[in-house]
Structure formats: C-alpha cells, structure tokens
C-alpha cells in the first residue's frame, strides 16, 4: 500500500506542469462562460431572396426570412407573414436587403378609386423626363402608317419611377389609373407601342 501512494505522488510530481496547465485552462474557460454577455436577441424580418425590380408585387419565392439583431432592425421593416399581395415595389431592391414599408407604394399614394399600374415604356429616355406627380396622356401607336395613334387616357398621375435593371429593356413607370384604363393598357401593350405625353401643369 505504501508503494502505491509513493508511486502516485511521484507520478503527480512528474506531470505537475501538465496538470497545472489543464487546471489553468479550465479556470479561464469557466471564467469566460461566467462573465460573457448573453447572445443578442434577434428579430425575424422579411428580406429579398434575389434582386427585384421596382413596379412588381413580390411573390413568396422572392422573399426569405432574415434574422437581425433587434438593435439594428430598420424602422418600418416588414415581418414574416405580412400580406404583400396588394403592394407594389416603388424601387428596385438587392438580394438580402430587408424590406421596409418605404420600399412600397403605400395605399395612401394611390387616389381613391384608382389602382397602381406598372407600365413598361420602350424608350427609357422618355421615362427619364418624368417625375412622380407628373400627369401624362397615354397613346397606343401601331406599326401601320395610315392608322393614327389612339389616345387611351388623359392626365394620368405618375406614382413612381422604379430604378431600371440591367436585365430589363426600356423603363418602368407606375401610374395611377382607373380599372377601365388599366384594362385598355393591358390589351394595348400586347400589339401596340405605348407612348406618353406630358400634360400642362394646371396647378
């Protein structure tokens, strides 16, 4: 029995540096665990799953849930489950960008009885002349030389001018139109070219 304790003490003295290092490392680890602050609370928000152009209503496949620290969540950020079926993006957004209410045309931006209609103009230079709040006349012109252009609507308000994307041609303009005008535009864009003309400022 005496030999056992003698051998045990000798082994402890032989490995005292290793044991001291292990105890020191354990002390540091438990100290860090004790005094480390708890992880910051995160908040789930809606974000774009890919680059999105303005003038569109995002579908479920266009969105993803992103978790951000609560302290950095932008004001007005939309949360998972928000109904976007009646919302139209006013500007383009990048993949991974949190979506806020400022990115969309609000219901108050569309006058009562009208709806937001995104219209793609073939000539981006013409769209560059427009500003939100302008009013335009809309014309449908065919390729037939002996047929005059048809005026589809007058004094249509411009709601937004989404940022153009490299993958799209022309330029997108979001207009406030009546349902009847929207129907005429939808039909006319299938076989004619839509042009716009600025109306005089009567304000």
Protein backbone atom coordinates (compact mmCIF):
# COMPACT_ATOMS: atom_id res chain seq x y z
CA UNK A 1 0.00 0.00 0.00
CA UNK A 2 2.89 2.31 0.83
CA UNK A 3 4.40 1.70 -2.59
CA UNK A 4 1.08 2.62 -4.26
CA UNK A 5 0.92 6.05 -2.63
CA UNK A 6 4.62 6.57 -3.27
CA UNK A 7 4.16 5.82 -6.99
CA UNK A 8 1.07 8.06 -7.17
CA UNK A 9 2.86 11.04 -5.62
CA UNK A 10 5.84 10.53 -7.89
CA UNK A 11 3.57 10.44 -10.97
CA UNK A 12 1.83 13.62 -9.81
CA UNK A 13 5.16 15.41 -9.37
CA UNK A 14 6.28 14.19 -12.78
CA UNK A 15 3.14 15.56 -14.51
CA UNK A 16 2.65 18.61 -12.32
CA UNK A 17 3.25 21.03 -15.19
CA UNK A 18 0.68 19.31 -17.39
CA UNK A 19 -1.85 19.22 -14.57
CA UNK A 20 -1.23 22.87 -13.74
CA UNK A 21 -1.80 23.81 -17.38
CA UNK A 22 -5.06 21.86 -17.51
CA UNK A 23 -6.36 23.48 -14.31
CA UNK A 24 -5.41 26.95 -15.60
CA UNK A 25 -7.16 26.37 -18.92
CA UNK A 26 -10.26 25.12 -17.13
CA UNK A 27 -10.27 28.20 -14.89
CA UNK A 28 -10.03 30.52 -17.90
CA UNK A 29 -12.83 28.69 -19.74
CA UNK A 30 -15.27 28.76 -16.84
CA UNK A 31 -14.38 32.40 -16.20
CA UNK A 32 -15.26 33.32 -19.78
CA UNK A 33 -18.52 31.37 -19.62
CA UNK A 34 -19.48 33.09 -16.38
CA UNK A 35 -18.75 36.65 -17.45
CA UNK A 36 -19.58 36.54 -21.19
CA UNK A 37 -22.73 38.53 -22.05
CA UNK A 38 -25.71 36.54 -23.35
CA UNK A 39 -26.17 36.47 -27.14
CA UNK A 40 -28.02 39.47 -28.52
CA UNK A 41 -31.72 38.92 -29.22
CA UNK A 42 -32.53 38.63 -32.92
CA UNK A 43 -35.67 39.60 -34.80
CA UNK A 44 -37.03 37.83 -37.90
CA UNK A 45 -37.63 40.22 -40.83
CA UNK A 46 -38.61 39.88 -44.46
CA UNK A 47 -35.82 40.29 -47.00
CA UNK A 48 -35.46 39.95 -50.76
CA UNK A 49 -34.37 36.47 -51.80
CA UNK A 50 -32.93 37.86 -55.05
CA UNK A 51 -32.57 41.17 -56.88
CA UNK A 52 -36.06 42.56 -57.51
CA UNK A 53 -37.05 45.32 -59.93
CA UNK A 54 -39.41 48.10 -58.97
CA UNK A 55 -43.02 48.05 -60.04
CA UNK A 56 -43.67 44.40 -59.16
CA UNK A 57 -45.54 42.62 -56.38
CA UNK A 58 -43.10 40.21 -54.67
CA UNK A 59 -44.19 36.58 -54.62
CA UNK A 60 -43.40 34.07 -51.88
CA UNK A 61 -40.39 32.81 -53.86
CA UNK A 62 -38.99 36.36 -53.99
CA UNK A 63 -38.79 36.58 -50.20
CA UNK A 64 -36.86 34.99 -47.37
CA UNK A 65 -36.68 35.39 -43.61
CA UNK A 66 -33.59 37.10 -42.22
CA UNK A 67 -32.72 37.35 -38.52
CA UNK A 68 -31.14 40.63 -37.41
CA UNK A 69 -30.07 41.93 -34.01
CA UNK A 70 -33.03 43.82 -32.60
CA UNK A 71 -30.93 46.98 -32.21
CA UNK A 72 -30.23 47.27 -35.96
CA UNK A 73 -33.65 46.42 -37.40
CA UNK A 74 -34.68 49.42 -39.59
CA UNK A 75 -37.85 51.26 -38.73
CA UNK A 76 -40.85 50.01 -40.70
CA UNK A 77 -39.28 46.65 -41.52
CA UNK A 78 -41.84 44.06 -42.62
CA UNK A 79 -42.11 40.85 -40.61
CA UNK A 80 -42.68 37.29 -41.89
CA UNK A 81 -46.35 36.72 -42.61
CA UNK A 82 -47.00 40.26 -43.86
CA UNK A 83 -49.51 40.38 -46.72
CA UNK A 84 -47.77 41.79 -49.80
CA UNK A 85 -50.38 40.71 -52.33
CA UNK A 86 -51.61 44.29 -52.76
CA UNK A 87 -48.22 46.02 -52.51
CA UNK A 88 -46.02 47.18 -55.37
CA UNK A 89 -42.33 47.89 -55.03
CA UNK A 90 -41.63 51.54 -55.76
CA UNK A 91 -37.91 50.95 -56.33
CA UNK A 92 -35.55 48.08 -57.04
CA UNK A 93 -34.11 46.13 -54.09
CA UNK A 94 -31.00 44.00 -53.78
CA UNK A 95 -30.84 40.36 -52.73
CA UNK A 96 -30.70 40.08 -48.93
CA UNK A 97 -31.97 43.63 -48.35
CA UNK A 98 -34.57 43.90 -45.54
CA UNK A 99 -37.89 45.16 -46.88
CA UNK A 100 -39.38 48.23 -45.26
CA UNK A 101 -42.71 49.96 -45.84
CA UNK A 102 -40.82 52.82 -47.54
CA UNK A 103 -39.92 50.47 -50.41
CA UNK A 104 -43.57 50.07 -51.39
CA UNK A 105 -46.26 52.28 -52.77
CA UNK A 106 -48.49 52.90 -49.79
CA UNK A 107 -52.29 52.70 -50.12
CA UNK A 108 -52.48 56.44 -49.49
CA UNK A 109 -50.27 57.09 -52.53
CA UNK A 110 -52.98 55.80 -54.84
CA UNK A 111 -56.05 58.08 -55.09
CA UNK A 112 -59.37 56.56 -54.11
CA UNK A 113 -60.99 54.63 -56.95
CA UNK A 114 -57.71 54.17 -58.83
CA UNK A 115 -55.07 51.46 -58.80
CA UNK A 116 -51.30 51.38 -59.28
CA UNK A 117 -50.48 50.15 -62.77
CA UNK A 118 -46.86 49.40 -63.77
CA UNK A 119 -46.30 50.26 -67.44
CA UNK A 120 -43.08 49.50 -69.28
CA UNK A 121 -42.10 52.13 -71.83
CA UNK A 122 -39.88 51.06 -74.70
CA UNK A 123 -37.93 54.34 -74.65
CA UNK A 124 -36.07 54.79 -71.35
CA UNK A 125 -35.06 58.34 -72.35
CA UNK A 126 -38.71 59.40 -72.34
CA UNK A 127 -39.24 57.88 -68.91
CA UNK A 128 -36.19 59.80 -67.65
CA UNK A 129 -38.07 63.05 -68.30
CA UNK A 130 -40.87 62.09 -65.92
CA UNK A 131 -41.11 62.75 -62.19
CA UNK A 132 -43.53 61.40 -59.57
CA UNK A 133 -46.53 63.72 -59.52
CA UNK A 134 -46.43 64.45 -63.25
CA UNK A 135 -49.54 63.79 -65.32
CA UNK A 136 -49.32 62.18 -68.73
CA UNK A 137 -51.54 61.36 -71.68
CA UNK A 138 -51.21 57.80 -72.95
CA UNK A 139 -51.28 56.84 -76.63
CA UNK A 140 -51.27 53.48 -78.39
CA UNK A 141 -49.49 53.54 -81.76
CA UNK A 142 -49.38 50.68 -84.24
CA UNK A 143 -46.80 50.00 -86.93
CA UNK A 144 -49.32 50.81 -89.67
CA UNK A 145 -48.52 54.20 -91.17
CA UNK A 146 -52.09 55.07 -92.19
CA UNK A 147 -53.56 54.45 -88.73
CA UNK A 148 -53.42 57.30 -86.23
CA UNK A 149 -52.35 56.70 -82.66
CA UNK A 150 -55.22 56.18 -80.24
CA UNK A 151 -55.38 58.20 -77.05
CA UNK A 152 -56.08 55.78 -74.23
CA UNK A 153 -56.21 58.13 -71.23
CA UNK A 154 -55.52 61.72 -70.22
CA UNK A 155 -53.89 63.33 -67.19
CA UNK A 156 -52.81 60.05 -65.63
CA UNK A 157 -50.72 60.66 -62.46
CA UNK A 158 -47.20 59.22 -62.25
CA UNK A 159 -46.76 57.48 -58.89
CA UNK A 160 -43.22 56.12 -59.05
CA UNK A 161 -40.25 55.59 -61.34
CA UNK A 162 -38.54 52.36 -60.29
CA UNK A 163 -34.79 52.09 -60.75
CA UNK A 164 -34.03 50.36 -64.09
CA UNK A 165 -32.29 46.99 -64.01
CA UNK A 166 -29.68 45.80 -66.48
CA UNK A 167 -31.72 42.74 -67.38
CA UNK A 168 -34.79 44.69 -68.49
CA UNK A 169 -35.34 46.81 -71.56
CA UNK A 170 -36.96 50.22 -71.61
CA UNK A 171 -38.11 51.72 -68.33
CA UNK A 172 -40.88 51.04 -65.87
CA UNK A 173 -43.38 53.73 -64.84
CA UNK A 174 -46.02 53.20 -62.15
CA UNK A 175 -49.23 55.07 -62.92
CA UNK A 176 -52.47 55.70 -61.03
CA UNK A 177 -55.18 54.56 -63.40
CA UNK A 178 -58.83 53.61 -63.28
CA UNK A 179 -59.60 49.89 -63.67
CA UNK A 180 -61.00 50.62 -67.13
CA UNK A 181 -57.81 52.40 -68.23
CA UNK A 182 -55.69 49.59 -66.80
CA UNK A 183 -57.68 47.12 -68.87
CA UNK A 184 -57.17 49.19 -72.04
CA UNK A 185 -53.45 49.45 -71.35
CA UNK A 186 -53.13 45.73 -70.71
CA UNK A 187 -54.85 44.99 -74.02
CA UNK A 188 -52.96 47.64 -75.98
CA UNK A 189 -49.49 46.57 -74.81
CA UNK A 190 -49.96 43.17 -76.47
CA UNK A 191 -49.89 44.52 -80.02
CA UNK A 192 -49.12 48.26 -79.96
CA UNK A 193 -46.48 50.60 -78.62
CA UNK A 194 -47.49 52.86 -75.74
CA UNK A 195 -46.24 56.45 -75.76
CA UNK A 196 -46.70 59.22 -73.22
CA UNK A 197 -47.01 63.00 -73.45
CA UNK A 198 -46.69 65.39 -70.54
CA UNK A 199 -49.83 67.39 -69.86
CA UNK A 200 -49.64 71.11 -68.98
CA UNK A 201 -49.24 71.92 -65.31
CA UNK A 202 -52.60 73.38 -64.33
CA UNK A 203 -51.93 73.63 -60.59
